[in-house]
Protein backbone atom coordinates (compact mmCIF):
# COMPACT_ATOMS: atom_id res chain seq x y z
CA MET A 1 63.39 129.83 98.39
CA ALA A 2 61.77 133.26 97.84
CA ARG A 3 60.36 135.06 100.81
CA GLU A 4 56.54 135.72 100.74
CA LYS A 5 55.73 139.41 100.28
CA ASN A 6 53.91 141.04 103.18
CA PRO A 7 51.28 143.47 101.70
CA VAL A 8 50.92 145.30 105.10
CA LYS A 9 54.68 146.13 105.06
CA GLU A 10 54.40 147.16 101.28
CA ILE A 11 51.71 149.57 102.01
CA ALA A 12 53.61 151.04 104.94
CA ILE A 13 56.92 151.23 103.07
CA PHE A 14 54.95 153.00 100.11
CA ALA A 15 53.23 155.59 102.42
CA ILE A 16 56.57 156.26 104.29
CA GLY A 17 58.61 156.63 101.06
CA ILE A 18 55.90 158.97 99.49
CA GLY A 19 55.92 161.02 102.82
CA LEU A 20 59.57 161.36 102.86
CA LEU A 21 59.85 162.34 99.17
CA THR A 22 57.04 164.90 99.32
CA GLY A 23 58.38 166.26 102.67
CA VAL A 24 61.77 166.88 101.30
CA GLY A 25 60.27 168.52 98.15
CA GLY A 26 57.92 170.65 100.22
CA THR A 27 60.68 171.77 102.52
CA PHE A 28 62.94 172.82 99.69
CA ILE A 29 60.08 174.68 97.85
CA LEU A 30 58.98 176.40 100.99
CA SER A 31 62.54 177.68 101.85
CA SER A 32 63.54 178.54 98.18
CA LYS A 33 64.69 182.06 97.57
CA GLY A 34 64.21 181.56 93.85
CA MET A 35 60.53 181.20 94.08
CA SER A 36 60.02 184.60 95.72
CA ASN A 37 60.03 186.41 92.33
CA ALA A 38 57.79 183.70 90.64
CA PRO A 39 54.23 184.74 89.69
CA GLU A 40 51.40 183.94 91.98
CA LEU A 41 49.42 180.74 91.66
CA LEU A 42 45.60 180.98 92.36
CA GLY A 43 46.29 184.32 94.20
CA ILE A 44 48.79 182.78 96.55
CA LYS A 45 52.65 182.91 96.61
CA ARG A 46 53.90 180.24 94.45
CA ASN A 47 56.21 178.67 96.95
CA LEU A 48 53.24 178.50 99.43
CA ALA A 49 50.72 177.13 96.80
CA ILE A 50 53.06 174.24 95.98
CA GLY A 51 54.93 173.74 99.21
CA LEU A 52 52.09 173.51 101.65
CA PRO A 53 50.13 170.89 99.90
CA LEU A 54 53.44 168.73 99.59
CA ILE A 55 53.85 169.17 103.32
CA ILE A 56 50.29 168.11 103.99
CA ILE A 57 50.70 165.01 101.70
CA ALA A 58 53.95 164.36 103.59
CA ILE A 59 52.43 164.42 107.06
CA THR A 60 49.39 162.31 106.08
CA HIS A 61 51.58 159.66 104.38
CA LEU A 62 54.07 159.53 107.18
CA PHE A 63 51.38 159.32 109.72
CA SER A 64 49.56 156.62 107.95
CA GLY A 65 52.66 154.59 107.13
CA ILE A 66 54.07 154.80 110.55
CA SER A 67 50.80 153.93 112.19
CA VAL A 68 50.36 150.92 109.92
CA LEU A 69 53.77 149.54 111.21
CA VAL A 70 53.10 150.36 114.78
CA LYS A 71 49.35 149.62 115.23
CA ARG A 72 48.67 146.99 112.42
CA LYS A 73 44.92 147.79 112.68
CA LYS A 74 42.36 147.96 109.89
CA TRP A 75 41.81 151.86 110.28
CA THR A 76 45.68 152.36 109.56
CA ILE A 77 45.13 150.72 106.07
CA HIS A 78 42.12 153.10 105.50
CA CYS A 79 44.20 156.11 106.47
CA CYS A 80 46.80 154.98 103.80
CA ARG A 81 43.95 154.73 101.25
CA ALA A 82 42.68 158.14 102.20
CA SER A 83 46.17 159.82 102.12
CA THR A 84 46.79 158.28 98.57
CA VAL A 85 43.39 159.70 97.44
CA LEU A 86 44.40 163.11 98.98
CA LEU A 87 47.63 162.90 96.97
CA ALA A 88 45.64 162.40 93.69
CA ILE A 89 43.22 165.24 94.54
CA LEU A 90 45.77 167.74 95.31
CA TYR A 91 47.83 166.79 92.32
CA PHE A 92 44.72 167.16 90.19
CA ILE A 93 44.17 170.70 91.62
CA PHE A 94 47.87 171.50 91.00
CA GLU A 95 47.72 170.13 87.40
CA VAL A 96 44.51 171.94 86.37
CA SER A 97 45.84 175.31 87.83
CA THR A 98 49.31 175.07 86.21
CA VAL A 99 49.59 173.16 83.00
CA GLY A 100 46.05 171.78 82.32
CA PHE A 101 44.41 168.60 82.75
CA PHE A 102 46.42 165.42 81.84
CA SER A 103 49.23 167.58 80.04
CA THR A 104 52.00 165.65 81.87
CA VAL A 105 50.77 162.17 80.79
CA VAL A 106 53.25 159.84 82.34
CA PHE A 107 53.48 161.48 85.74
CA ALA A 108 49.70 161.96 85.74
CA ILE A 109 49.06 158.18 85.01
CA LEU A 110 51.51 157.33 88.02
CA ILE A 111 49.73 159.81 90.42
CA TYR A 112 46.18 158.86 89.46
CA GLY A 113 46.95 155.18 89.42
CA ALA A 114 48.38 155.27 92.98
CA PRO A 115 45.13 155.20 94.75
CA ILE A 116 44.06 152.18 92.65
CA ALA A 117 47.33 150.33 93.27
CA VAL A 118 47.01 151.07 97.01
CA TYR A 119 43.43 150.06 97.03
CA LEU A 120 44.16 146.67 95.44
CA LYS A 121 47.17 145.99 97.75
CA SER A 122 45.07 147.07 100.74
CA ILE A 123 42.51 144.26 100.01
CA ALA A 124 45.27 141.70 100.55
CA ALA A 125 46.62 143.53 103.53
CA LEU A 126 43.23 143.65 105.23
CA GLU A 127 42.68 139.94 104.50
CA GLU A 128 46.11 139.25 106.09
CA MET A 129 45.25 141.33 109.19
CA ALA A 130 41.87 139.50 109.69
């Protein structure tokens, strides 16, 4: 017999996973020596312009994912929603400033679809928590 999926755990695992991935990426970019000679992005050193938003995304996702697992309150689900929207907004800014809007079609669909997927899953999670 298959076990029932728990939408609360799914949201928490997604948030923690995205937080870990972006945290590792942001750490590598910030500490990269090869990025020191790269041209500036929006008037900021490239490693800072890319690495700091990744670290911000990582912190917000890790905070919201861990708080969902620990607290299991409605506000934690809303934090997950907000952190995923922040991910899409920061990716939009990055995409427009580097390659142009919707130039990386497959990856852009995944990033812009993430808030929708989290929102739909969070409806089930909020119902389970009630």
